[in-house]
Amino acid sequence: EKWSRMRVNYSLKMADYRYPHIVQRPSKPPEEYAKIERSNAIEKWSRMRERTVEHFKFTPKTSFYAVFWAALVPFGLYNLIKWDLRRQDIKKGRTPRKFL
């Protein structure tokens, strides 16, 4: 264990010697490099995103999106995979598989 510590210390010293730019720290804090300007529009948008439940309303558009992503997309993928597997079975001369 004593030798492993010595090797670690030696490798750190070699890193300091070979790559001094990696070890150096910035001379001033990050706040002094650039000023952060807050936009009221972005702040309002982020507050709305954080509290989605308070502002959500079921409209025809949101209802369509819910049905589309929760029912139509999975149903379409299932039928696409089923069609492809049946096509492969017929191509190889096997009897098509039965699904649900």
N, C-alpha and C. Protein backbone atom coordinates (compact mmCIF):
# COMPACT_ATOMS: atom_id res chain seq x y z
N GLU A 1 0.83 -1.19 0.00
CA GLU A 1 0.00 0.00 0.00
C GLU A 1 0.87 1.25 0.00
N LYS A 2 1.99 1.17 0.67
CA LYS A 2 2.89 2.31 0.71
C LYS A 2 3.41 2.63 -0.68
N TRP A 3 3.73 1.59 -1.46
CA TRP A 3 4.28 1.82 -2.80
C TRP A 3 3.22 2.37 -3.74
N SER A 4 1.97 1.94 -3.58
CA SER A 4 0.93 2.45 -4.48
C SER A 4 0.71 3.95 -4.23
N ARG A 5 0.81 4.38 -2.97
CA ARG A 5 0.68 5.81 -2.70
C ARG A 5 1.82 6.59 -3.33
N MET A 6 2.99 6.00 -3.26
CA MET A 6 4.15 6.70 -3.83
C MET A 6 3.99 6.84 -5.34
N ARG A 7 3.47 5.80 -5.99
CA ARG A 7 3.28 5.86 -7.44
C ARG A 7 2.24 6.91 -7.81
N VAL A 8 1.17 7.01 -7.03
CA VAL A 8 0.14 8.00 -7.31
C VAL A 8 0.72 9.39 -7.18
N ASN A 9 1.47 9.63 -6.11
CA ASN A 9 2.07 10.95 -5.92
C ASN A 9 3.05 11.26 -7.05
N TYR A 10 3.82 10.26 -7.48
CA TYR A 10 4.77 10.48 -8.56
C TYR A 10 4.04 10.81 -9.86
N SER A 11 2.94 10.08 -10.14
CA SER A 11 2.22 10.34 -11.39
C SER A 11 1.58 11.73 -11.36
N LEU A 12 1.11 12.18 -10.20
CA LEU A 12 0.56 13.53 -10.13
C LEU A 12 1.63 14.58 -10.36
N LYS A 13 2.83 14.32 -9.82
CA LYS A 13 3.92 15.28 -10.05
C LYS A 13 4.30 15.31 -11.52
N MET A 14 4.30 14.16 -12.18
CA MET A 14 4.63 14.13 -13.60
C MET A 14 3.56 14.85 -14.41
N ALA A 15 2.29 14.70 -14.02
CA ALA A 15 1.23 15.39 -14.72
C ALA A 15 1.38 16.90 -14.57
N ASP A 16 1.77 17.35 -13.38
CA ASP A 16 1.99 18.78 -13.17
C ASP A 16 3.12 19.28 -14.06
N TYR A 17 4.14 18.45 -14.21
CA TYR A 17 5.31 18.86 -14.99
C TYR A 17 5.02 18.86 -16.49
N ARG A 18 4.34 17.82 -16.97
CA ARG A 18 4.12 17.69 -18.40
C ARG A 18 2.96 18.55 -18.92
N TYR A 19 1.90 18.67 -18.12
CA TYR A 19 0.70 19.37 -18.57
C TYR A 19 0.33 20.47 -17.58
N PRO A 20 1.06 21.54 -17.54
CA PRO A 20 0.75 22.58 -16.54
C PRO A 20 -0.59 23.27 -16.81
N HIS A 21 -1.05 23.31 -18.07
CA HIS A 21 -2.31 23.99 -18.37
C HIS A 21 -3.51 23.24 -17.81
N ILE A 22 -3.39 21.94 -17.55
CA ILE A 22 -4.51 21.17 -17.00
C ILE A 22 -4.69 21.48 -15.53
N VAL A 23 -3.60 21.70 -14.82
CA VAL A 23 -3.64 21.88 -13.38
C VAL A 23 -4.00 23.31 -13.01
N GLN A 24 -3.73 24.28 -13.88
CA GLN A 24 -3.98 25.67 -13.55
C GLN A 24 -5.47 25.94 -13.38
N ARG A 25 -5.78 26.84 -12.49
CA ARG A 25 -7.15 27.27 -12.24
C ARG A 25 -7.37 28.64 -12.86
N PRO A 26 -8.61 28.99 -13.20
CA PRO A 26 -8.84 30.32 -13.75
C PRO A 26 -8.51 31.39 -12.72
N SER A 27 -8.06 32.52 -13.20
CA SER A 27 -7.61 33.57 -12.30
C SER A 27 -8.76 34.34 -11.67
N LYS A 28 -9.96 34.30 -12.27
CA LYS A 28 -11.10 35.00 -11.69
C LYS A 28 -12.33 34.10 -11.72
N PRO A 29 -13.31 34.38 -10.86
CA PRO A 29 -14.50 33.52 -10.82
C PRO A 29 -15.33 33.65 -12.09
N PRO A 30 -16.18 32.66 -12.39
CA PRO A 30 -16.95 32.67 -13.63
C PRO A 30 -17.88 33.87 -13.76
N GLU A 31 -18.36 34.42 -12.65
CA GLU A 31 -19.28 35.55 -12.72
C GLU A 31 -18.63 36.77 -13.36
N GLU A 32 -17.32 36.86 -13.28
CA GLU A 32 -16.64 38.02 -13.83
C GLU A 32 -16.39 37.90 -15.34
N TYR A 33 -16.55 36.71 -15.91
CA TYR A 33 -16.31 36.54 -17.35
C TYR A 33 -17.50 37.03 -18.18
N ALA A 34 -18.70 36.80 -17.72
CA ALA A 34 -19.88 37.20 -18.47
C ALA A 34 -21.01 37.53 -17.51
N LYS A 35 -21.82 38.50 -17.88
CA LYS A 35 -22.96 38.87 -17.07
C LYS A 35 -24.17 38.07 -17.54
N ILE A 36 -24.94 37.55 -16.59
CA ILE A 36 -26.13 36.78 -16.93
C ILE A 36 -27.31 37.74 -16.94
N GLU A 37 -27.99 37.85 -18.07
CA GLU A 37 -29.16 38.69 -18.19
C GLU A 37 -30.39 37.80 -18.23
N ARG A 38 -31.32 38.06 -17.35
CA ARG A 38 -32.54 37.25 -17.29
C ARG A 38 -33.61 37.87 -18.16
N SER A 39 -34.27 37.01 -18.93
CA SER A 39 -35.36 37.44 -19.79
C SER A 39 -36.68 37.11 -19.10
N ASN A 40 -37.55 38.09 -19.02
CA ASN A 40 -38.85 37.85 -18.37
C ASN A 40 -39.65 36.80 -19.09
N ALA A 41 -39.58 36.76 -20.41
CA ALA A 41 -40.34 35.78 -21.18
C ALA A 41 -39.85 34.36 -20.87
N ILE A 42 -38.54 34.18 -20.79
CA ILE A 42 -37.99 32.85 -20.49
C ILE A 42 -38.32 32.45 -19.06
N GLU A 43 -38.27 33.40 -18.13
CA GLU A 43 -38.62 33.09 -16.75
C GLU A 43 -40.09 32.68 -16.64
N LYS A 44 -40.98 33.38 -17.34
CA LYS A 44 -42.40 33.03 -17.32
C LYS A 44 -42.62 31.65 -17.92
N TRP A 45 -41.94 31.36 -19.03
CA TRP A 45 -42.07 30.06 -19.68
C TRP A 45 -41.60 28.95 -18.75
N SER A 46 -40.48 29.16 -18.05
CA SER A 46 -39.97 28.12 -17.15
C SER A 46 -40.90 27.90 -15.97
N ARG A 47 -41.51 28.97 -15.45
CA ARG A 47 -42.49 28.79 -14.37
C ARG A 47 -43.70 27.98 -14.86
N MET A 48 -44.15 28.26 -16.08
CA MET A 48 -45.26 27.49 -16.64
C MET A 48 -44.88 26.02 -16.80
N ARG A 49 -43.66 25.74 -17.24
CA ARG A 49 -43.21 24.36 -17.41
C ARG A 49 -43.11 23.64 -16.07
N GLU A 50 -42.73 24.34 -15.02
CA GLU A 50 -42.60 23.71 -13.70
C GLU A 50 -43.97 23.37 -13.12
N ARG A 51 -44.97 24.16 -13.43
CA ARG A 51 -46.32 23.97 -12.87
C ARG A 51 -47.31 23.60 -13.97
N THR A 52 -47.00 22.59 -14.73
CA THR A 52 -47.84 22.19 -15.86
C THR A 52 -49.22 21.76 -15.41
N VAL A 53 -49.31 21.07 -14.28
CA VAL A 53 -50.59 20.54 -13.82
C VAL A 53 -51.58 21.67 -13.54
N GLU A 54 -51.09 22.79 -13.04
CA GLU A 54 -51.98 23.90 -12.71
C GLU A 54 -52.54 24.58 -13.96
N HIS A 55 -51.83 24.51 -15.07
CA HIS A 55 -52.21 25.25 -16.26
C HIS A 55 -52.75 24.38 -17.39
N PHE A 56 -52.75 23.06 -17.22
CA PHE A 56 -53.16 22.17 -18.30
C PHE A 56 -54.68 22.16 -18.44
N LYS A 57 -55.16 22.19 -19.70
CA LYS A 57 -56.58 22.09 -19.99
C LYS A 57 -56.77 21.11 -21.13
N PHE A 58 -57.81 20.27 -21.02
CA PHE A 58 -58.11 19.36 -22.13
C PHE A 58 -58.85 20.15 -23.20
N THR A 59 -58.20 20.31 -24.32
CA THR A 59 -58.80 20.96 -25.48
C THR A 59 -58.86 19.91 -26.59
N PRO A 60 -59.52 20.19 -27.69
CA PRO A 60 -59.52 19.22 -28.79
C PRO A 60 -58.11 18.86 -29.26
N LYS A 61 -57.23 19.83 -29.25
CA LYS A 61 -55.85 19.58 -29.70
C LYS A 61 -55.11 18.65 -28.73
N THR A 62 -55.18 18.94 -27.43
CA THR A 62 -54.48 18.08 -26.46
C THR A 62 -55.12 16.70 -26.38
N SER A 63 -56.44 16.63 -26.57
CA SER A 63 -57.09 15.31 -26.58
C SER A 63 -56.63 14.49 -27.77
N PHE A 64 -56.51 15.14 -28.93
CA PHE A 64 -56.01 14.44 -30.12
C PHE A 64 -54.61 13.91 -29.87
N TYR A 65 -53.72 14.75 -29.30
CA TYR A 65 -52.35 14.30 -29.04
C TYR A 65 -52.33 13.13 -28.06
N ALA A 66 -53.19 13.16 -27.05
CA ALA A 66 -53.23 12.07 -26.07
C ALA A 66 -53.64 10.76 -26.74
N VAL A 67 -54.70 10.82 -27.55
CA VAL A 67 -55.16 9.60 -28.24
C VAL A 67 -54.12 9.14 -29.25
N PHE A 68 -53.54 10.07 -29.97
CA PHE A 68 -52.55 9.73 -30.99
C PHE A 68 -51.36 9.00 -30.39
N TRP A 69 -50.74 9.57 -29.35
CA TRP A 69 -49.52 8.98 -28.78
C TRP A 69 -49.80 7.78 -27.89
N ALA A 70 -50.98 7.72 -27.26
CA ALA A 70 -51.26 6.62 -26.33
C ALA A 70 -51.93 5.43 -27.00
N ALA A 71 -52.59 5.63 -28.16
CA ALA A 71 -53.31 4.53 -28.78
C ALA A 71 -52.90 4.27 -30.22
N LEU A 72 -52.91 5.30 -31.04
CA LEU A 72 -52.67 5.08 -32.47
C LEU A 72 -51.23 4.68 -32.78
N VAL A 73 -50.26 5.31 -32.15
CA VAL A 73 -48.86 4.96 -32.44
C VAL A 73 -48.54 3.53 -31.99
N PRO A 74 -48.86 3.13 -30.75
CA PRO A 74 -48.58 1.72 -30.38
C PRO A 74 -49.35 0.71 -31.24
N PHE A 75 -50.61 1.02 -31.57
CA PHE A 75 -51.39 0.12 -32.41
C PHE A 75 -50.77 0.01 -33.80
N GLY A 76 -50.33 1.13 -34.35
CA GLY A 76 -49.68 1.11 -35.67
C GLY A 76 -48.37 0.33 -35.65
N LEU A 77 -47.56 0.52 -34.62
CA LEU A 77 -46.30 -0.23 -34.52
C LEU A 77 -46.56 -1.74 -34.39
N TYR A 78 -47.57 -2.09 -33.58
CA TYR A 78 -47.90 -3.51 -33.42
C TYR A 78 -48.29 -4.12 -34.76
N ASN A 79 -49.14 -3.44 -35.52
CA ASN A 79 -49.57 -3.97 -36.82
C ASN A 79 -48.42 -4.02 -37.82
N LEU A 80 -47.51 -3.05 -37.77
CA LEU A 80 -46.35 -3.06 -38.67
C LEU A 80 -45.44 -4.25 -38.36
N ILE A 81 -45.18 -4.51 -37.09
CA ILE A 81 -44.33 -5.64 -36.71
C ILE A 81 -45.03 -6.96 -37.06
N LYS A 82 -46.33 -7.04 -36.79
CA LYS A 82 -47.09 -8.25 -37.11
C LYS A 82 -47.06 -8.52 -38.62
N TRP A 83 -47.27 -7.50 -39.43
CA TRP A 83 -47.24 -7.64 -40.89
C TRP A 83 -45.87 -8.10 -41.36
N ASP A 84 -44.81 -7.51 -40.79
CA ASP A 84 -43.45 -7.87 -41.21
C ASP A 84 -43.12 -9.32 -40.84
N LEU A 85 -43.49 -9.76 -39.65
CA LEU A 85 -43.21 -11.14 -39.24
C LEU A 85 -44.00 -12.15 -40.09
N ARG A 86 -45.24 -11.83 -40.41
CA ARG A 86 -46.02 -12.72 -41.28
C ARG A 86 -45.42 -12.79 -42.67
N ARG A 87 -44.96 -11.63 -43.19
CA ARG A 87 -44.34 -11.60 -44.51
C ARG A 87 -43.08 -12.46 -44.52
N GLN A 88 -42.28 -12.38 -43.44
CA GLN A 88 -41.07 -13.20 -43.36
C GLN A 88 -41.41 -14.69 -43.31
N ASP A 89 -42.45 -15.03 -42.54
CA ASP A 89 -42.86 -16.43 -42.45
C ASP A 89 -43.30 -16.97 -43.81
N ILE A 90 -44.10 -16.21 -44.53
CA ILE A 90 -44.57 -16.65 -45.85
C ILE A 90 -43.41 -16.77 -46.82
N LYS A 91 -42.46 -15.85 -46.73
CA LYS A 91 -41.30 -15.87 -47.64
C LYS A 91 -40.45 -17.12 -47.41
N LYS A 92 -40.35 -17.57 -46.13
CA LYS A 92 -39.54 -18.75 -45.82
C LYS A 92 -40.34 -20.04 -45.91
N GLY A 93 -41.60 -19.96 -46.27
CA GLY A 93 -42.40 -21.17 -46.46
C GLY A 93 -43.00 -21.72 -45.18
N ARG A 94 -43.01 -20.98 -44.11
CA ARG A 94 -43.61 -21.44 -42.85
C ARG A 94 -45.06 -20.97 -42.77
N THR A 95 -45.83 -21.59 -41.90
CA THR A 95 -47.18 -21.09 -41.70
C THR A 95 -47.09 -19.82 -40.86
N PRO A 96 -47.87 -18.81 -41.20
CA PRO A 96 -47.79 -17.53 -40.48
C PRO A 96 -48.13 -17.70 -38.99
N ARG A 97 -47.46 -16.96 -38.17
CA ARG A 97 -47.70 -17.00 -36.74
C ARG A 97 -49.04 -16.37 -36.42
N LYS A 98 -49.61 -16.77 -35.29
CA LYS A 98 -50.86 -16.18 -34.86
C LYS A 98 -50.55 -15.19 -33.74
N PHE A 99 -51.13 -14.03 -33.87
CA PHE A 99 -50.96 -12.98 -32.86
C PHE A 99 -52.28 -12.71 -32.20
N LEU A 100 -52.24 -12.49 -30.93
CA LEU A 100 -53.41 -12.18 -30.12
C LEU A 100 -54.63 -12.72 -30.74
